[in-house]
Amino acid sequence: MHNQYEHIGQHLKMSIARELILEFFAGRSGVKKQDIINKVEKEHQDRGGRRHTKRTHPVSDALENLKKAGGADNPNRGLWDIKYQPGYKPNPVTKREDPGPDEIRKGCVYFYYFPTYKEMANLKSENRWQFKIGSNETGDPQGRVDDQVTGMSEKPEIEALMYTEAPRHLEQIIHAYLKKQGMHIPDAPGKEWFLLSPDIVKRIVDAVKVFQKSLDFQSSTQ
């Protein structure tokens, strides 16, 4: 049932607990902390995850993390208000164009984020938040992205696509470069999450386009 869960086999940790808290409790007030713990533990294990191994419970760390970001509060001891709304939609931004027939035959590298991550950054007056950089062998990754976020309370926003005949290699190059720039998020679930902004994503896409064009020897004159 949850074979697309990204955290199968992983011990419960703060970042995973935070995702599950937002999935099941966003917009709710006066929720008992123990109820949150029970729900997060059950869902994580039912989906193929493993129990936590931390001295402090990951749900406690996740709630404090959300509180610092302004996304949660506990006005009464043991009771929590989770402020983020699953239906939150960011301001519209310029998106990718739909792929043409030639591009669909190619693969692509995609950049997406969850609106909640952007909202958390806005609350802290930060211009960067978590983006996932992945690849797909076809030019339209929507199905791939939908599979990855099955069960989530909100849909991701695809910021950009880059079409290429070698999507996996391009993805690896971008990952390696951004890791050297210190933009990788090591404690995020999976290895594909980076701290970026829409402007940085655009600069990456533009740089790749220039690089690809410079190596398009078939179109160059001899």
N, C-alpha and C. Protein backbone atom coordinates (compact mmCIF):
# COMPACT_ATOMS: atom_id res chain seq x y z
N MET A 1 0.83 -1.21 0.00
CA MET A 1 0.00 0.00 0.00
C MET A 1 0.86 1.26 0.00
N HIS A 2 1.95 1.21 0.72
CA HIS A 2 2.84 2.37 0.80
C HIS A 2 4.19 2.05 0.17
N ASN A 3 4.16 1.34 -0.97
CA ASN A 3 5.43 0.93 -1.57
C ASN A 3 6.20 2.08 -2.17
N GLN A 4 5.59 3.29 -2.23
CA GLN A 4 6.30 4.45 -2.74
C GLN A 4 6.85 5.32 -1.60
N TYR A 5 6.69 4.87 -0.37
CA TYR A 5 7.18 5.63 0.78
C TYR A 5 8.69 5.76 0.69
N GLU A 6 9.17 6.99 0.80
CA GLU A 6 10.60 7.26 0.60
C GLU A 6 11.47 6.77 1.75
N HIS A 7 10.87 6.48 2.89
CA HIS A 7 11.66 6.20 4.08
C HIS A 7 11.59 4.74 4.51
N ILE A 8 11.29 3.85 3.56
CA ILE A 8 11.24 2.42 3.88
C ILE A 8 12.61 1.96 4.39
N GLY A 9 12.59 1.25 5.52
CA GLY A 9 13.83 0.73 6.08
C GLY A 9 14.61 1.72 6.91
N GLN A 10 14.17 2.98 6.97
CA GLN A 10 14.89 4.00 7.72
C GLN A 10 14.34 4.11 9.15
N HIS A 11 15.25 4.37 10.08
CA HIS A 11 14.83 4.65 11.44
C HIS A 11 14.12 6.00 11.47
N LEU A 12 13.09 6.11 12.28
CA LEU A 12 12.38 7.38 12.42
C LEU A 12 13.34 8.44 12.95
N LYS A 13 13.37 9.58 12.29
CA LYS A 13 14.21 10.69 12.72
C LYS A 13 13.42 11.99 12.60
N MET A 14 14.04 13.08 13.03
CA MET A 14 13.33 14.34 13.13
C MET A 14 12.72 14.78 11.81
N SER A 15 13.48 14.72 10.71
CA SER A 15 12.97 15.21 9.43
C SER A 15 11.78 14.39 8.94
N ILE A 16 11.81 13.08 9.19
CA ILE A 16 10.69 12.22 8.80
C ILE A 16 9.48 12.52 9.67
N ALA A 17 9.71 12.66 10.98
CA ALA A 17 8.62 12.97 11.90
C ALA A 17 7.95 14.29 11.52
N ARG A 18 8.75 15.27 11.11
CA ARG A 18 8.20 16.57 10.72
C ARG A 18 7.27 16.43 9.52
N GLU A 19 7.69 15.63 8.53
CA GLU A 19 6.83 15.41 7.35
C GLU A 19 5.50 14.79 7.75
N LEU A 20 5.56 13.79 8.60
CA LEU A 20 4.33 13.09 9.00
C LEU A 20 3.43 13.96 9.88
N ILE A 21 4.05 14.79 10.72
CA ILE A 21 3.25 15.72 11.53
C ILE A 21 2.46 16.67 10.62
N LEU A 22 3.14 17.22 9.62
CA LEU A 22 2.47 18.14 8.70
C LEU A 22 1.41 17.42 7.87
N GLU A 23 1.68 16.15 7.54
CA GLU A 23 0.72 15.40 6.74
C GLU A 23 -0.59 15.17 7.48
N PHE A 24 -0.51 14.84 8.77
CA PHE A 24 -1.70 14.43 9.51
C PHE A 24 -2.28 15.48 10.45
N PHE A 25 -1.50 16.50 10.81
CA PHE A 25 -1.98 17.43 11.82
C PHE A 25 -1.97 18.89 11.39
N ALA A 26 -1.57 19.19 10.15
CA ALA A 26 -1.54 20.59 9.72
C ALA A 26 -2.92 21.22 9.84
N GLY A 27 -2.96 22.39 10.48
CA GLY A 27 -4.21 23.11 10.64
C GLY A 27 -5.01 22.72 11.88
N ARG A 28 -4.50 21.77 12.66
CA ARG A 28 -5.23 21.33 13.85
C ARG A 28 -4.68 22.00 15.11
N SER A 29 -5.55 22.21 16.08
CA SER A 29 -5.16 22.87 17.33
C SER A 29 -5.50 21.97 18.51
N GLY A 30 -4.74 22.15 19.59
CA GLY A 30 -5.01 21.43 20.82
C GLY A 30 -4.82 19.93 20.71
N VAL A 31 -3.84 19.51 19.93
CA VAL A 31 -3.58 18.09 19.76
C VAL A 31 -2.62 17.61 20.86
N LYS A 32 -2.95 16.51 21.49
CA LYS A 32 -2.07 15.97 22.52
C LYS A 32 -0.77 15.49 21.90
N LYS A 33 0.34 15.80 22.55
CA LYS A 33 1.63 15.39 22.05
C LYS A 33 1.73 13.88 21.92
N GLN A 34 1.18 13.16 22.89
CA GLN A 34 1.25 11.70 22.83
C GLN A 34 0.46 11.17 21.65
N ASP A 35 -0.64 11.82 21.28
CA ASP A 35 -1.40 11.40 20.10
C ASP A 35 -0.58 11.59 18.84
N ILE A 36 0.18 12.69 18.79
CA ILE A 36 1.05 12.93 17.64
C ILE A 36 2.12 11.85 17.56
N ILE A 37 2.73 11.55 18.70
CA ILE A 37 3.77 10.52 18.74
C ILE A 37 3.21 9.18 18.27
N ASN A 38 2.06 8.82 18.80
CA ASN A 38 1.47 7.52 18.45
C ASN A 38 1.17 7.43 16.95
N LYS A 39 0.61 8.50 16.39
CA LYS A 39 0.25 8.49 14.98
C LYS A 39 1.48 8.43 14.10
N VAL A 40 2.49 9.24 14.41
CA VAL A 40 3.71 9.27 13.60
C VAL A 40 4.41 7.92 13.65
N GLU A 41 4.55 7.35 14.84
CA GLU A 41 5.20 6.05 14.96
C GLU A 41 4.45 4.97 14.16
N LYS A 42 3.13 4.95 14.30
CA LYS A 42 2.33 3.94 13.62
C LYS A 42 2.43 4.07 12.10
N GLU A 43 2.27 5.29 11.60
CA GLU A 43 2.30 5.49 10.15
C GLU A 43 3.67 5.15 9.57
N HIS A 44 4.72 5.57 10.25
CA HIS A 44 6.07 5.31 9.76
C HIS A 44 6.32 3.80 9.69
N GLN A 45 5.95 3.07 10.71
CA GLN A 45 6.18 1.63 10.73
C GLN A 45 5.24 0.89 9.78
N ASP A 46 3.99 1.34 9.68
CA ASP A 46 3.06 0.71 8.75
C ASP A 46 3.52 0.86 7.31
N ARG A 47 4.25 1.94 7.02
CA ARG A 47 4.71 2.20 5.65
C ARG A 47 6.07 1.56 5.36
N GLY A 48 6.60 0.86 6.34
CA GLY A 48 7.86 0.16 6.10
C GLY A 48 9.06 0.76 6.79
N GLY A 49 8.85 1.77 7.63
CA GLY A 49 9.95 2.37 8.37
C GLY A 49 10.28 1.60 9.63
N ARG A 50 11.34 2.03 10.32
CA ARG A 50 11.79 1.36 11.53
C ARG A 50 11.70 2.32 12.72
N ARG A 51 11.66 1.76 13.92
CA ARG A 51 11.55 2.55 15.14
C ARG A 51 12.76 3.46 15.30
N HIS A 52 12.57 4.54 16.06
CA HIS A 52 13.67 5.48 16.25
C HIS A 52 14.69 4.91 17.24
N THR A 53 15.90 5.43 17.15
CA THR A 53 16.99 4.98 18.03
C THR A 53 17.57 6.16 18.82
N LYS A 54 16.90 7.29 18.80
CA LYS A 54 17.41 8.49 19.45
C LYS A 54 17.01 8.52 20.93
N ARG A 55 17.81 9.20 21.74
CA ARG A 55 17.48 9.35 23.15
C ARG A 55 16.27 10.27 23.31
N THR A 56 16.25 11.37 22.54
CA THR A 56 15.09 12.25 22.51
C THR A 56 14.19 11.82 21.37
N HIS A 57 12.90 11.72 21.61
CA HIS A 57 12.01 11.24 20.57
C HIS A 57 12.02 12.20 19.38
N PRO A 58 12.11 11.69 18.15
CA PRO A 58 12.13 12.55 16.95
C PRO A 58 10.92 13.46 16.84
N VAL A 59 9.75 13.02 17.33
CA VAL A 59 8.58 13.88 17.29
C VAL A 59 8.80 15.12 18.17
N SER A 60 9.41 14.95 19.32
CA SER A 60 9.71 16.09 20.18
C SER A 60 10.62 17.08 19.48
N ASP A 61 11.66 16.55 18.82
CA ASP A 61 12.58 17.42 18.08
C ASP A 61 11.88 18.11 16.92
N ALA A 62 11.00 17.38 16.24
CA ALA A 62 10.29 17.94 15.09
C ALA A 62 9.34 19.05 15.53
N LEU A 63 8.65 18.85 16.64
CA LEU A 63 7.74 19.88 17.13
C LEU A 63 8.49 21.14 17.54
N GLU A 64 9.62 20.97 18.19
CA GLU A 64 10.43 22.13 18.57
C GLU A 64 10.97 22.84 17.34
N ASN A 65 11.34 22.06 16.31
CA ASN A 65 11.82 22.64 15.06
C ASN A 65 10.73 23.47 14.41
N LEU A 66 9.51 22.94 14.37
CA LEU A 66 8.39 23.68 13.79
C LEU A 66 8.06 24.92 14.62
N LYS A 67 8.18 24.81 15.93
CA LYS A 67 7.90 25.94 16.81
C LYS A 67 8.87 27.08 16.55
N LYS A 68 10.15 26.75 16.41
CA LYS A 68 11.16 27.78 16.14
C LYS A 68 10.91 28.47 14.81
N ALA A 69 10.36 27.71 13.84
CA ALA A 69 10.08 28.27 12.52
C ALA A 69 8.76 29.03 12.49
N GLY A 70 8.02 29.02 13.61
CA GLY A 70 6.74 29.70 13.66
C GLY A 70 5.59 28.89 13.10
N GLY A 71 5.84 27.61 12.86
CA GLY A 71 4.81 26.77 12.27
C GLY A 71 4.04 25.92 13.26
N ALA A 72 4.39 26.02 14.52
CA ALA A 72 3.67 25.27 15.55
C ALA A 72 3.82 26.00 16.88
N ASP A 73 2.92 25.70 17.79
CA ASP A 73 2.97 26.33 19.11
C ASP A 73 2.33 25.39 20.13
N ASN A 74 2.72 25.53 21.39
CA ASN A 74 2.10 24.73 22.45
C ASN A 74 1.72 25.67 23.60
N PRO A 75 0.62 26.40 23.42
CA PRO A 75 0.19 27.35 24.46
C PRO A 75 -0.17 26.68 25.77
N ASN A 76 -0.56 25.41 25.70
CA ASN A 76 -0.85 24.64 26.90
C ASN A 76 0.07 23.43 26.94
N ARG A 77 0.57 23.12 28.11
CA ARG A 77 1.51 22.02 28.24
C ARG A 77 0.91 20.71 27.72
N GLY A 78 1.65 20.07 26.84
CA GLY A 78 1.20 18.79 26.31
C GLY A 78 0.27 18.89 25.13
N LEU A 79 -0.17 20.12 24.78
CA LEU A 79 -1.07 20.33 23.65
C LEU A 79 -0.39 21.18 22.59
N TRP A 80 -0.60 20.84 21.34
CA TRP A 80 0.10 21.52 20.25
C TRP A 80 -0.87 22.01 19.18
N ASP A 81 -0.57 23.21 18.66
CA ASP A 81 -1.25 23.77 17.50
C ASP A 81 -0.28 23.69 16.32
N ILE A 82 -0.69 23.01 15.26
CA ILE A 82 0.14 22.91 14.05
C ILE A 82 -0.45 23.87 13.03
N LYS A 83 0.29 24.91 12.69
CA LYS A 83 -0.28 26.04 11.96
C LYS A 83 -0.31 25.87 10.45
N TYR A 84 0.61 25.09 9.89
CA TYR A 84 0.68 25.02 8.44
C TYR A 84 -0.56 24.37 7.86
N GLN A 85 -1.10 24.98 6.81
CA GLN A 85 -2.29 24.45 6.16
C GLN A 85 -1.89 23.64 4.93
N PRO A 86 -2.42 22.41 4.78
CA PRO A 86 -2.07 21.59 3.61
C PRO A 86 -2.41 22.25 2.29
N GLY A 87 -3.46 23.10 2.27
CA GLY A 87 -3.88 23.71 1.02
C GLY A 87 -3.14 24.97 0.67
N TYR A 88 -2.11 25.33 1.42
CA TYR A 88 -1.37 26.56 1.16
C TYR A 88 -0.77 26.54 -0.24
N LYS A 89 -0.96 27.63 -0.96
CA LYS A 89 -0.41 27.75 -2.30
C LYS A 89 0.49 28.98 -2.37
N PRO A 90 1.72 28.82 -2.87
CA PRO A 90 2.61 29.96 -2.97
C PRO A 90 2.19 30.89 -4.08
N ASN A 91 2.75 32.10 -4.10
CA ASN A 91 2.50 33.00 -5.20
C ASN A 91 2.95 32.36 -6.50
N PRO A 92 2.20 32.57 -7.59
CA PRO A 92 2.58 31.94 -8.85
C PRO A 92 3.95 32.41 -9.32
N VAL A 93 4.73 31.50 -9.86
CA VAL A 93 6.05 31.82 -10.40
C VAL A 93 6.11 31.27 -11.81
N THR A 94 7.08 31.74 -12.54
CA THR A 94 7.25 31.27 -13.91
C THR A 94 7.66 29.82 -13.91
N LYS A 95 6.89 28.98 -14.57
CA LYS A 95 7.15 27.55 -14.58
C LYS A 95 7.71 27.14 -15.93
N ARG A 96 8.05 25.86 -16.00
CA ARG A 96 8.55 25.27 -17.23
C ARG A 96 7.48 25.30 -18.30
N GLU A 97 7.90 25.27 -19.55
CA GLU A 97 6.96 25.08 -20.64
C GLU A 97 6.70 23.60 -20.80
N ASP A 98 5.51 23.25 -21.33
CA ASP A 98 5.22 21.85 -21.57
C ASP A 98 6.18 21.31 -22.61
N PRO A 99 6.66 20.07 -22.44
CA PRO A 99 7.64 19.51 -23.37
C PRO A 99 7.02 19.24 -24.73
N GLY A 100 7.80 19.46 -25.78
CA GLY A 100 7.38 19.12 -27.13
C GLY A 100 7.67 17.67 -27.41
N PRO A 101 7.30 17.18 -28.60
CA PRO A 101 7.50 15.77 -28.94
C PRO A 101 8.95 15.32 -28.83
N ASP A 102 9.90 16.16 -29.28
CA ASP A 102 11.31 15.77 -29.22
C ASP A 102 11.79 15.68 -27.78
N GLU A 103 11.31 16.60 -26.93
CA GLU A 103 11.76 16.62 -25.54
C GLU A 103 11.21 15.44 -24.76
N ILE A 104 9.98 15.00 -25.11
CA ILE A 104 9.41 13.86 -24.40
C ILE A 104 10.23 12.61 -24.64
N ARG A 105 10.85 12.54 -25.81
CA ARG A 105 11.68 11.36 -26.11
C ARG A 105 12.99 11.40 -25.33
N LYS A 106 13.34 12.57 -24.78
CA LYS A 106 14.53 12.70 -23.97
C LYS A 106 14.17 12.48 -22.50
N GLY A 107 15.20 12.43 -21.68
CA GLY A 107 14.96 12.41 -20.25
C GLY A 107 15.01 13.82 -19.72
N CYS A 108 14.91 13.96 -18.41
CA CYS A 108 14.96 15.30 -17.84
C CYS A 108 15.46 15.23 -16.39
N VAL A 109 15.95 16.37 -15.94
CA VAL A 109 16.27 16.59 -14.53
C VAL A 109 15.25 17.59 -14.03
N TYR A 110 14.66 17.32 -12.86
CA TYR A 110 13.60 18.19 -12.35
C TYR A 110 13.96 18.74 -10.98
N PHE A 111 13.40 19.90 -10.68
CA PHE A 111 13.55 20.57 -9.39
C PHE A 111 12.15 20.77 -8.82
N TYR A 112 11.88 20.25 -7.62
CA TYR A 112 10.58 20.52 -7.01
C TYR A 112 10.73 20.76 -5.52
N TYR A 113 9.70 21.36 -4.94
CA TYR A 113 9.67 21.62 -3.49
C TYR A 113 8.23 21.52 -3.01
N PHE A 114 8.06 21.38 -1.70
CA PHE A 114 6.73 21.41 -1.11
C PHE A 114 6.43 22.83 -0.65
N PRO A 115 5.21 23.32 -0.90
CA PRO A 115 4.85 24.68 -0.49
C PRO A 115 5.13 24.97 0.98
N THR A 116 4.98 23.96 1.83
CA THR A 116 5.24 24.16 3.26
C THR A 116 6.66 24.60 3.50
N TYR A 117 7.61 24.03 2.73
CA TYR A 117 9.01 24.40 2.92
C TYR A 117 9.24 25.88 2.60
N LYS A 118 8.56 26.34 1.55
CA LYS A 118 8.69 27.76 1.19
C LYS A 118 8.07 28.63 2.27
N GLU A 119 6.94 28.20 2.79
CA GLU A 119 6.27 28.97 3.84
C GLU A 119 7.14 29.07 5.08
N MET A 120 7.79 27.97 5.44
CA MET A 120 8.68 27.99 6.61
C MET A 120 9.81 28.99 6.40
N ALA A 121 10.38 29.01 5.19
CA ALA A 121 11.45 29.96 4.89
C ALA A 121 10.94 31.39 4.97
N ASN A 122 9.75 31.64 4.43
CA ASN A 122 9.18 32.99 4.47
C ASN A 122 8.96 33.46 5.90
N LEU A 123 8.52 32.56 6.76
CA LEU A 123 8.29 32.92 8.16
C LEU A 123 9.58 33.34 8.85
N LYS A 124 10.69 32.78 8.39
CA LYS A 124 11.99 33.11 8.98
C LYS A 124 12.73 34.17 8.16
N SER A 125 12.03 34.77 7.17
CA SER A 125 12.63 35.80 6.30
C SER A 125 13.86 35.27 5.57
N GLU A 126 13.80 34.01 5.16
CA GLU A 126 14.88 33.40 4.40
C GLU A 126 14.44 33.21 2.95
N ASN A 127 15.39 33.30 2.03
CA ASN A 127 15.04 33.18 0.61
C ASN A 127 15.42 31.83 0.02
N ARG A 128 15.84 30.90 0.87
CA ARG A 128 16.17 29.55 0.40
C ARG A 128 15.38 28.52 1.20
N TRP A 129 15.03 27.43 0.53
CA TRP A 129 14.34 26.33 1.20
C TRP A 129 14.68 25.03 0.50
N GLN A 130 14.11 23.91 0.95
CA GLN A 130 14.48 22.60 0.45
C GLN A 130 13.91 22.34 -0.94
N PHE A 131 14.79 22.02 -1.87
CA PHE A 131 14.41 21.60 -3.22
C PHE A 131 14.92 20.17 -3.44
N LYS A 132 14.14 19.37 -4.12
CA LYS A 132 14.60 18.05 -4.52
C LYS A 132 15.02 18.10 -5.98
N ILE A 133 16.20 17.55 -6.27
CA ILE A 133 16.70 17.47 -7.64
C ILE A 133 16.77 16.00 -8.01
N GLY A 134 15.93 15.59 -8.94
CA GLY A 134 15.88 14.21 -9.38
C GLY A 134 15.92 14.11 -10.88
N SER A 135 15.85 12.90 -11.40
CA SER A 135 15.90 12.71 -12.85
C SER A 135 14.89 11.66 -13.26
N ASN A 136 14.52 11.71 -14.52
CA ASN A 136 13.56 10.77 -15.09
C ASN A 136 13.96 10.49 -16.53
N GLU A 137 13.71 9.30 -16.98
CA GLU A 137 14.13 8.91 -18.33
C GLU A 137 13.19 9.43 -19.41
N THR A 138 12.04 9.98 -19.03
CA THR A 138 11.13 10.57 -20.00
C THR A 138 11.06 12.06 -19.76
N GLY A 139 10.60 12.79 -20.76
CA GLY A 139 10.63 14.25 -20.69
C GLY A 139 9.60 14.88 -19.78
N ASP A 140 8.62 14.13 -19.31
CA ASP A 140 7.61 14.67 -18.41
C ASP A 140 7.63 13.86 -17.12
N PRO A 141 8.13 14.43 -16.02
CA PRO A 141 8.34 13.66 -14.79
C PRO A 141 7.13 13.60 -13.87
N GLN A 142 5.98 14.10 -14.30
CA GLN A 142 4.87 14.23 -13.37
C GLN A 142 4.51 12.92 -12.71
N GLY A 143 4.48 11.84 -13.51
CA GLY A 143 4.15 10.54 -12.94
C GLY A 143 5.16 10.10 -11.90
N ARG A 144 6.44 10.34 -12.19
CA ARG A 144 7.50 9.99 -11.25
C ARG A 144 7.37 10.77 -9.95
N VAL A 145 7.11 12.07 -10.07
CA VAL A 145 6.95 12.90 -8.89
C VAL A 145 5.72 12.47 -8.09
N ASP A 146 4.61 12.21 -8.78
CA ASP A 146 3.39 11.79 -8.10
C ASP A 146 3.62 10.50 -7.31
N ASP A 147 4.39 9.57 -7.89
CA ASP A 147 4.69 8.33 -7.18
C ASP A 147 5.46 8.59 -5.90
N GLN A 148 6.39 9.54 -5.94
CA GLN A 148 7.23 9.82 -4.79
C GLN A 148 6.45 10.45 -3.63
N VAL A 149 5.39 11.17 -3.94
CA VAL A 149 4.70 11.93 -2.90
C VAL A 149 3.34 11.33 -2.57
N THR A 150 3.13 10.06 -2.94
CA THR A 150 1.88 9.40 -2.58
C THR A 150 1.67 9.43 -1.07
N GLY A 151 0.50 9.87 -0.64
CA GLY A 151 0.20 9.93 0.78
C GLY A 151 0.51 11.26 1.43
N MET A 152 1.20 12.16 0.71
CA MET A 152 1.50 13.47 1.29
C MET A 152 0.26 14.34 1.26
N SER A 153 0.18 15.31 2.17
CA SER A 153 -1.00 16.15 2.30
C SER A 153 -1.02 17.31 1.31
N GLU A 154 0.06 17.55 0.62
CA GLU A 154 0.11 18.62 -0.36
C GLU A 154 0.93 18.19 -1.56
N LYS A 155 0.63 18.80 -2.69
CA LYS A 155 1.34 18.46 -3.91
C LYS A 155 2.59 19.33 -4.05
N PRO A 156 3.65 18.78 -4.62
CA PRO A 156 4.87 19.58 -4.80
C PRO A 156 4.72 20.56 -5.95
N GLU A 157 5.54 21.58 -5.93
CA GLU A 157 5.62 22.55 -7.01
C GLU A 157 6.87 22.25 -7.84
N ILE A 158 6.69 21.95 -9.12
CA ILE A 158 7.84 21.73 -10.00
C ILE A 158 8.34 23.09 -10.46
N GLU A 159 9.54 23.44 -10.04
CA GLU A 159 10.11 24.74 -10.36
C GLU A 159 10.70 24.79 -11.75
N ALA A 160 11.37 23.71 -12.17
CA ALA A 160 12.03 23.73 -13.48
C ALA A 160 12.33 22.32 -13.95
N LEU A 161 12.46 22.20 -15.26
CA LEU A 161 12.89 20.95 -15.91
C LEU A 161 14.04 21.26 -16.85
N MET A 162 14.95 20.32 -16.97
CA MET A 162 16.04 20.42 -17.95
C MET A 162 16.04 19.15 -18.78
N TYR A 163 15.84 19.29 -20.07
CA TYR A 163 15.77 18.13 -20.96
C TYR A 163 17.17 17.73 -21.42
N THR A 164 17.41 16.44 -21.42
CA THR A 164 18.73 15.93 -21.76
C THR A 164 18.64 14.46 -22.15
N GLU A 165 19.59 14.01 -22.94
CA GLU A 165 19.64 12.59 -23.30
C GLU A 165 20.39 11.77 -22.25
N ALA A 166 20.95 12.45 -21.25
CA ALA A 166 21.68 11.75 -20.19
C ALA A 166 21.22 12.31 -18.83
N PRO A 167 19.95 12.10 -18.46
CA PRO A 167 19.42 12.72 -17.25
C PRO A 167 20.13 12.31 -15.96
N ARG A 168 20.46 11.03 -15.85
CA ARG A 168 21.09 10.57 -14.61
C ARG A 168 22.47 11.18 -14.44
N HIS A 169 23.24 11.25 -15.53
CA HIS A 169 24.58 11.83 -15.45
C HIS A 169 24.51 13.32 -15.11
N LEU A 170 23.57 14.03 -15.74
CA LEU A 170 23.43 15.46 -15.45
C LEU A 170 23.02 15.67 -14.00
N GLU A 171 22.11 14.85 -13.51
CA GLU A 171 21.70 14.95 -12.11
C GLU A 171 22.90 14.76 -11.18
N GLN A 172 23.72 13.76 -11.45
CA GLN A 172 24.88 13.48 -10.60
C GLN A 172 25.87 14.64 -10.61
N ILE A 173 26.06 15.26 -11.77
CA ILE A 173 26.98 16.40 -11.88
C ILE A 173 26.47 17.57 -11.04
N ILE A 174 25.18 17.86 -11.16
CA ILE A 174 24.60 18.97 -10.40
C ILE A 174 24.68 18.69 -8.90
N HIS A 175 24.35 17.46 -8.50
CA HIS A 175 24.45 17.08 -7.09
C HIS A 175 25.86 17.30 -6.57
N ALA A 176 26.85 16.81 -7.31
CA ALA A 176 28.24 16.90 -6.85
C ALA A 176 28.68 18.35 -6.71
N TYR A 177 28.31 19.18 -7.67
CA TYR A 177 28.72 20.58 -7.61
C TYR A 177 28.07 21.30 -6.44
N LEU A 178 26.77 21.08 -6.25
CA LEU A 178 26.07 21.75 -5.16
C LEU A 178 26.55 21.27 -3.80
N LYS A 179 26.95 20.00 -3.71
CA LYS A 179 27.52 19.50 -2.45
C LYS A 179 28.81 20.25 -2.12
N LYS A 180 29.63 20.49 -3.14
CA LYS A 180 30.87 21.23 -2.90
C LYS A 180 30.59 22.68 -2.49
N GLN A 181 29.43 23.20 -2.90
CA GLN A 181 29.03 24.55 -2.54
C GLN A 181 28.37 24.60 -1.16
N GLY A 182 28.25 23.43 -0.51
CA GLY A 182 27.65 23.39 0.82
C GLY A 182 26.14 23.53 0.83
N MET A 183 25.47 23.21 -0.28
CA MET A 183 24.03 23.38 -0.38
C MET A 183 23.26 22.09 -0.13
N HIS A 184 23.95 20.98 0.01
CA HIS A 184 23.27 19.71 0.26
C HIS A 184 22.74 19.68 1.69
N ILE A 185 21.57 19.04 1.89
CA ILE A 185 20.97 18.91 3.22
C ILE A 185 21.20 17.48 3.70
N PRO A 186 22.23 17.24 4.49
CA PRO A 186 22.61 15.86 4.82
C PRO A 186 21.60 15.11 5.68
N ASP A 187 20.81 15.83 6.50
CA ASP A 187 19.88 15.12 7.39
C ASP A 187 18.49 14.98 6.78
N ALA A 188 18.34 15.36 5.51
CA ALA A 188 17.04 15.21 4.85
C ALA A 188 16.86 13.76 4.41
N PRO A 189 15.61 13.31 4.32
CA PRO A 189 15.37 11.94 3.83
C PRO A 189 15.78 11.82 2.37
N GLY A 190 16.60 10.83 2.07
CA GLY A 190 17.11 10.70 0.72
C GLY A 190 18.34 11.58 0.53
N LYS A 191 18.94 11.51 -0.65
CA LYS A 191 20.19 12.23 -0.91
C LYS A 191 20.01 13.35 -1.93
N GLU A 192 18.77 13.69 -2.26
CA GLU A 192 18.52 14.59 -3.38
C GLU A 192 17.99 15.95 -2.96
N TRP A 193 18.09 16.30 -1.67
CA TRP A 193 17.52 17.55 -1.19
C TRP A 193 18.62 18.59 -0.98
N PHE A 194 18.36 19.81 -1.48
CA PHE A 194 19.34 20.88 -1.43
C PHE A 194 18.67 22.19 -1.01
N LEU A 195 19.44 23.05 -0.36
CA LEU A 195 18.94 24.34 0.09
C LEU A 195 19.16 25.35 -1.03
N LEU A 196 18.08 25.68 -1.74
CA LEU A 196 18.18 26.53 -2.93
C LEU A 196 17.11 27.61 -2.89
N SER A 197 17.15 28.46 -3.90
CA SER A 197 16.11 29.46 -4.13
C SER A 197 15.71 29.38 -5.59
N PRO A 198 14.55 29.93 -5.97
CA PRO A 198 14.19 29.94 -7.39
C PRO A 198 15.24 30.60 -8.27
N ASP A 199 15.89 31.63 -7.75
CA ASP A 199 16.94 32.30 -8.53
C ASP A 199 18.12 31.37 -8.77
N ILE A 200 18.52 30.62 -7.76
CA ILE A 200 19.63 29.68 -7.93
C ILE A 200 19.25 28.60 -8.93
N VAL A 201 18.01 28.09 -8.84
CA VAL A 201 17.55 27.08 -9.80
C VAL A 201 17.63 27.62 -11.22
N LYS A 202 17.18 28.86 -11.41
CA LYS A 202 17.23 29.47 -12.74
C LYS A 202 18.66 29.60 -13.24
N ARG A 203 19.57 29.96 -12.36
CA ARG A 203 20.98 30.10 -12.76
C ARG A 203 21.55 28.75 -13.16
N ILE A 204 21.17 27.69 -12.45
CA ILE A 204 21.64 26.35 -12.80
C ILE A 204 21.12 25.97 -14.18
N VAL A 205 19.82 26.18 -14.40
CA VAL A 205 19.21 25.83 -15.69
C VAL A 205 19.85 26.62 -16.82
N ASP A 206 20.04 27.92 -16.63
CA ASP A 206 20.65 28.75 -17.67
C ASP A 206 22.08 28.32 -17.97
N ALA A 207 22.84 27.98 -16.92
CA ALA A 207 24.23 27.56 -17.11
C ALA A 207 24.30 26.25 -17.88
N VAL A 208 23.39 25.33 -17.58
CA VAL A 208 23.38 24.05 -18.29
C VAL A 208 23.02 24.25 -19.75
N LYS A 209 22.06 25.14 -20.02
CA LYS A 209 21.68 25.42 -21.40
C LYS A 209 22.87 25.96 -22.20
N VAL A 210 23.61 26.88 -21.59
CA VAL A 210 24.79 27.44 -22.27
C VAL A 210 25.83 26.35 -22.52
N PHE A 211 26.03 25.50 -21.50
CA PHE A 211 27.01 24.42 -21.63
C PHE A 211 26.59 23.44 -22.73
N GLN A 212 25.32 23.05 -22.74
CA GLN A 212 24.84 22.11 -23.75
C GLN A 212 24.97 22.70 -25.15
N LYS A 213 24.64 23.98 -25.27
CA LYS A 213 24.73 24.63 -26.59
C LYS A 213 26.17 24.69 -27.07
N SER A 214 27.11 24.93 -26.15
CA SER A 214 28.52 25.02 -26.53
C SER A 214 29.08 23.70 -27.01
N LEU A 215 28.44 22.60 -26.60
CA LEU A 215 28.89 21.27 -27.01
C LEU A 215 28.03 20.65 -28.10
N ASP A 216 27.13 21.45 -28.69
CA ASP A 216 26.30 20.96 -29.77
C ASP A 216 27.08 21.09 -31.07
N PHE A 217 28.00 20.15 -31.30
CA PHE A 217 28.89 20.23 -32.44
C PHE A 217 28.18 20.05 -33.77
N GLN A 218 27.05 19.35 -33.77
CA GLN A 218 26.34 19.11 -35.01
C GLN A 218 25.78 20.39 -35.60
N SER A 219 25.44 21.34 -34.74
CA SER A 219 24.87 22.59 -35.23
C SER A 219 25.93 23.64 -35.50
N SER A 220 27.17 23.38 -35.09
CA SER A 220 28.23 24.36 -35.31
C SER A 220 28.75 24.26 -36.72
N THR A 221 29.22 25.36 -37.22
CA THR A 221 29.77 25.39 -38.59
C THR A 221 31.21 24.94 -38.55
N GLN A 222 31.62 24.25 -39.58
CA GLN A 222 33.00 23.76 -39.68
C GLN A 222 33.85 24.76 -40.45
